[in-house]
Amino acid sequence: MKIEIWSDIMCPFCYIGKRRFEEALAGFEGSNDVEIEWKSFLLSPELKTDPTKNIHQFLAEHKNISLEEAKGMNNYVTNMAAQAGLIYDFDRAIPANSFNAHRFLHFAKKYGKQNEAEEKLFRAYFTEGKNIDDAQILMLLAIELGLDANKLAEAMNNGEFANDVIADINEAQQLGIRGVPFFVFNRKYAVSGAQESRAFAETLDKAFEEWQATQPKNNFETIKGQSCDTEGNCD
């Protein structure tokens, strides 16, 4: 069963949603049959990365509110994240355009490491105060994942995976997705936002039951004759 997750690294509710989804998945009996694919979404496509600012300043300017109001909003989200076992440090978080980070995710997907890359990017952004638009940071994350940093650098220099990011964004528009996180189960059911793990668990059960019903069953009518098995028994 396939689950597609549209997300942006700089979205605080996406990281919380990831944790709550993972909590539901951990208690789900069919988890071994679940394939997860992360899809790109840009909340601020025109944002210019500025390491001299923190996210409080960016939010205040973006929403035309006071710095204190911005800090209050971020404190609320920080407490919400803490309940999901996450540490947010908005004093250190660097407002960064996430386009290249999404390209990195598609690079990691090519080598079967997309889910791990998503986790590292979220942690780098929200907890460690790293610039996720910095090529050196992305190369270090690649090394931590056991990926070839030189191949990543080559891909970034050649503009690879940009079309994959754009394709995800266009697909989101076609599906009517206007906000993230957005979880799509087998293109039939969806969960929007950082819902409680119970909502994910219920949707997992429902989608999986229907998915199983569509799978071919190996119930053969067998005519038995003499044969040998893998234990070396022949009769």
Protein backbone atom coordinates (compact mmCIF):
# COMPACT_ATOMS: atom_id res chain seq x y z
CA MET A 1 0.00 0.00 0.00
CA LYS A 2 1.39 3.38 -0.99
CA ILE A 3 1.26 6.52 1.11
CA GLU A 4 2.35 9.81 -0.45
CA ILE A 5 3.15 12.73 1.83
CA TRP A 6 3.29 16.28 0.50
CA SER A 7 5.45 18.34 2.83
CA ASP A 8 7.83 21.29 3.10
CA ILE A 9 10.91 21.18 5.33
CA MET A 10 10.26 24.65 6.73
CA CYS A 11 6.70 23.71 7.76
CA PRO A 12 6.62 23.13 11.55
CA PHE A 13 3.41 21.12 11.38
CA CYS A 14 4.94 18.77 8.78
CA TYR A 15 7.55 17.52 11.26
CA ILE A 16 4.89 17.12 13.95
CA GLY A 17 2.63 15.35 11.46
CA LYS A 18 5.49 13.02 10.54
CA ARG A 19 5.93 12.00 14.17
CA ARG A 20 2.24 11.41 14.74
CA PHE A 21 1.97 9.39 11.53
CA GLU A 22 5.00 7.32 12.58
CA GLU A 23 3.38 6.66 15.96
CA ALA A 24 0.32 5.26 14.19
CA LEU A 25 2.45 3.28 11.76
CA ALA A 26 4.47 1.71 14.59
CA GLY A 27 1.30 0.13 15.96
CA PHE A 28 -0.01 -0.92 12.57
CA GLU A 29 0.17 -4.65 11.81
CA GLY A 30 0.51 -4.14 8.06
CA SER A 31 3.43 -1.70 8.31
CA ASN A 32 5.76 -4.00 6.34
CA ASP A 33 3.45 -3.66 3.34
CA VAL A 34 3.46 0.15 3.41
CA GLU A 35 5.52 2.15 0.91
CA ILE A 36 6.09 5.81 1.82
CA GLU A 37 6.96 8.48 -0.72
CA TRP A 38 7.66 12.09 0.24
CA LYS A 39 6.46 14.73 -2.21
CA SER A 40 7.77 18.27 -2.56
CA PHE A 41 5.73 21.37 -1.67
CA LEU A 42 7.01 24.95 -1.38
CA LEU A 43 5.28 27.21 1.10
CA SER A 44 7.45 30.21 0.25
CA PRO A 45 8.84 29.66 -3.26
CA GLU A 46 10.03 33.27 -3.54
CA LEU A 47 11.85 33.27 -0.19
CA LYS A 48 15.48 34.34 -0.37
CA THR A 49 17.69 32.52 2.12
CA ASP A 50 19.06 34.90 4.76
CA PRO A 51 21.36 33.41 7.43
CA THR A 52 21.49 36.77 9.24
CA LYS A 53 17.85 36.42 10.33
CA ASN A 54 16.06 33.95 12.53
CA ILE A 55 12.58 32.59 11.95
CA HIS A 56 11.00 35.04 14.42
CA GLN A 57 12.10 37.95 12.27
CA PHE A 58 11.01 36.24 9.07
CA LEU A 59 7.55 35.45 10.45
CA ALA A 60 7.06 38.99 11.74
CA GLU A 61 7.91 40.44 8.33
CA HIS A 62 6.00 37.80 6.38
CA LYS A 63 2.79 38.24 8.36
CA ASN A 64 3.26 41.94 9.10
CA ILE A 65 3.05 41.38 12.85
CA SER A 66 5.25 42.41 15.77
CA LEU A 67 8.33 40.42 16.76
CA GLU A 68 6.68 39.57 20.07
CA GLU A 69 3.60 38.24 18.31
CA ALA A 70 5.81 36.12 16.06
CA LYS A 71 7.66 34.72 19.07
CA GLY A 72 4.33 33.91 20.72
CA MET A 73 3.18 31.97 17.67
CA ASN A 74 6.46 30.08 17.53
CA ASN A 75 6.35 29.31 21.26
CA TYR A 76 2.92 27.76 20.75
CA VAL A 77 4.26 25.52 17.97
CA THR A 78 7.37 24.69 20.04
CA ASN A 79 5.18 23.40 22.87
CA MET A 80 3.08 21.43 20.40
CA ALA A 81 6.25 19.87 18.97
CA ALA A 82 7.49 18.99 22.45
CA GLN A 83 4.35 16.93 23.01
CA ALA A 84 5.35 14.91 19.94
CA GLY A 85 8.86 14.41 21.34
CA LEU A 86 10.49 17.04 19.12
CA ILE A 87 12.79 19.92 20.03
CA TYR A 88 12.25 23.15 18.10
CA ASP A 89 14.76 26.00 18.44
CA PHE A 90 13.31 28.93 16.52
CA ASP A 91 15.97 31.27 17.92
CA ARG A 92 18.47 29.42 15.71
CA ALA A 93 16.27 28.40 12.75
CA ILE A 94 17.43 30.06 9.52
CA PRO A 95 14.80 31.19 7.00
CA ALA A 96 15.82 29.26 3.91
CA ASN A 97 14.40 28.56 0.49
CA SER A 98 13.76 24.83 0.53
CA PHE A 99 13.94 24.12 -3.21
CA ASN A 100 17.46 22.65 -3.09
CA ALA A 101 16.59 20.65 0.02
CA HIS A 102 13.74 19.08 -1.93
CA ARG A 103 16.16 18.28 -4.75
CA PHE A 104 18.30 16.55 -2.11
CA LEU A 105 15.26 14.50 -1.07
CA HIS A 106 14.81 13.28 -4.64
CA PHE A 107 18.52 12.46 -4.79
CA ALA A 108 18.14 10.41 -1.59
CA LYS A 109 15.03 8.74 -3.00
CA LYS A 110 17.11 7.45 -5.91
CA TYR A 111 19.20 5.49 -3.39
CA GLY A 112 16.34 4.37 -1.13
CA LYS A 113 17.09 6.89 1.64
CA GLN A 114 14.31 9.43 1.21
CA ASN A 115 12.55 8.90 4.53
CA GLU A 116 15.84 9.13 6.43
CA ALA A 117 16.77 12.27 4.48
CA GLU A 118 13.44 13.89 5.35
CA GLU A 119 14.08 13.29 9.05
CA LYS A 120 17.60 14.72 8.87
CA LEU A 121 16.42 17.84 7.05
CA PHE A 122 13.67 18.50 9.58
CA ARG A 123 16.11 18.08 12.46
CA ALA A 124 18.72 20.25 10.76
CA TYR A 125 16.20 23.04 10.23
CA PHE A 126 14.12 23.03 13.42
CA THR A 127 16.56 21.73 16.02
CA GLU A 128 20.12 22.34 14.88
CA GLY A 129 19.77 25.76 13.25
CA LYS A 130 21.43 24.66 10.01
CA ASN A 131 20.99 26.37 6.66
CA ILE A 132 19.20 23.75 4.53
CA ASP A 133 19.88 25.81 1.40
CA ASP A 134 23.63 25.48 1.89
CA ALA A 135 25.29 22.96 -0.45
CA GLN A 136 27.90 22.04 2.18
CA ILE A 137 25.21 21.26 4.74
CA LEU A 138 23.38 19.04 2.26
CA MET A 139 26.62 17.23 1.44
CA LEU A 140 27.26 16.57 5.13
CA LEU A 141 23.74 15.17 5.50
CA ALA A 142 24.37 12.95 2.49
CA ILE A 143 27.52 11.59 4.13
CA GLU A 144 25.59 10.90 7.35
CA LEU A 145 23.15 8.86 5.28
CA GLY A 146 25.94 6.88 3.67
CA LEU A 147 25.40 8.57 0.30
CA ASP A 148 28.06 9.82 -2.09
CA ALA A 149 28.48 13.54 -1.43
CA ASN A 150 30.39 14.01 -4.67
CA LYS A 151 27.47 12.60 -6.65
CA LEU A 152 25.15 14.96 -4.80
CA ALA A 153 27.39 17.94 -5.58
CA GLU A 154 27.47 16.95 -9.24
CA ALA A 155 23.69 16.61 -9.31
CA MET A 156 23.23 20.00 -7.68
CA ASN A 157 25.64 21.69 -10.07
CA ASN A 158 23.90 20.11 -13.07
CA GLY A 159 20.41 21.13 -11.96
CA GLU A 160 19.30 17.53 -11.53
CA PHE A 161 16.05 16.72 -9.71
CA ALA A 162 14.67 20.25 -10.19
CA ASN A 163 12.06 18.87 -12.56
CA ASP A 164 11.08 16.24 -9.99
CA VAL A 165 10.40 18.96 -7.42
CA ILE A 166 8.34 20.95 -9.92
CA ALA A 167 6.42 17.82 -10.93
CA ASP A 168 5.45 17.19 -7.28
CA ILE A 169 4.26 20.77 -6.90
CA ASN A 170 2.20 20.59 -10.10
CA GLU A 171 0.72 17.28 -9.00
CA ALA A 172 -0.32 18.84 -5.70
CA GLN A 173 -2.12 21.60 -7.59
CA GLN A 174 -3.91 19.06 -9.76
CA LEU A 175 -5.07 17.18 -6.67
CA GLY A 176 -6.27 20.37 -5.02
CA ILE A 177 -3.69 20.31 -2.24
CA ARG A 178 -3.36 23.81 -0.80
CA GLY A 179 -1.54 23.14 2.46
CA VAL A 180 0.83 20.69 4.09
CA PRO A 181 1.32 18.19 5.54
CA PHE A 182 -1.03 16.23 3.31
CA PHE A 183 -1.07 12.43 3.47
CA VAL A 184 -2.61 10.46 0.59
CA PHE A 185 -3.41 6.77 1.08
CA ASN A 186 -3.56 4.78 -2.16
CA ARG A 187 -4.98 7.83 -3.94
CA LYS A 188 -8.30 7.19 -2.21
CA TYR A 189 -8.11 8.57 1.33
CA ALA A 190 -6.33 11.63 2.68
CA VAL A 191 -5.38 13.14 6.02
CA SER A 192 -4.74 16.87 6.02
CA GLY A 193 -2.59 18.54 8.66
CA ALA A 194 -0.82 17.32 11.77
CA GLN A 195 -3.73 15.23 12.99
CA GLU A 196 -3.53 13.12 16.13
CA SER A 197 -2.08 9.65 15.60
CA ARG A 198 -5.56 8.15 16.06
CA ALA A 199 -6.72 9.73 12.79
CA PHE A 200 -3.75 8.23 10.98
CA ALA A 201 -4.36 4.83 12.56
CA GLU A 202 -8.00 4.79 11.51
CA THR A 203 -7.14 5.78 7.94
CA LEU A 204 -4.36 3.19 7.78
CA ASP A 205 -6.78 0.44 8.82
CA LYS A 206 -9.45 1.47 6.34
CA ALA A 207 -7.11 1.97 3.39
CA PHE A 208 -5.18 -1.22 4.10
CA GLU A 209 -8.30 -3.36 4.33
CA GLU A 210 -9.43 -2.15 0.91
CA TRP A 211 -5.94 -2.50 -0.54
CA GLN A 212 -5.67 -6.10 0.66
CA ALA A 213 -8.97 -6.95 -1.01
CA THR A 214 -7.47 -5.97 -4.38
CA GLN A 215 -4.33 -8.10 -4.04
CA PRO A 216 -4.09 -11.45 -5.88
CA LYS A 217 -4.36 -14.43 -3.57
CA ASN A 218 -2.17 -17.51 -3.89
CA ASN A 219 -4.92 -20.01 -3.13
CA PHE A 220 -4.31 -22.71 -5.73
CA GLU A 221 -6.30 -25.84 -6.34
CA THR A 222 -3.37 -28.26 -6.29
CA ILE A 223 -3.04 -31.77 -7.70
CA LYS A 224 -0.34 -33.37 -5.59
CA GLY A 225 2.34 -35.75 -6.81
CA GLN A 226 5.77 -36.86 -5.69
CA SER A 227 8.05 -33.93 -4.87
CA CYS A 228 10.93 -32.69 -2.70
CA ASP A 229 10.84 -29.78 -0.26
CA THR A 230 13.45 -27.31 0.92
CA GLU A 231 14.20 -29.49 3.96
CA GLY A 232 15.45 -32.27 1.68
CA ASN A 233 12.41 -34.47 2.22
CA CYS A 234 11.17 -36.33 -0.83
CA ASP A 235 8.05 -38.43 -1.13
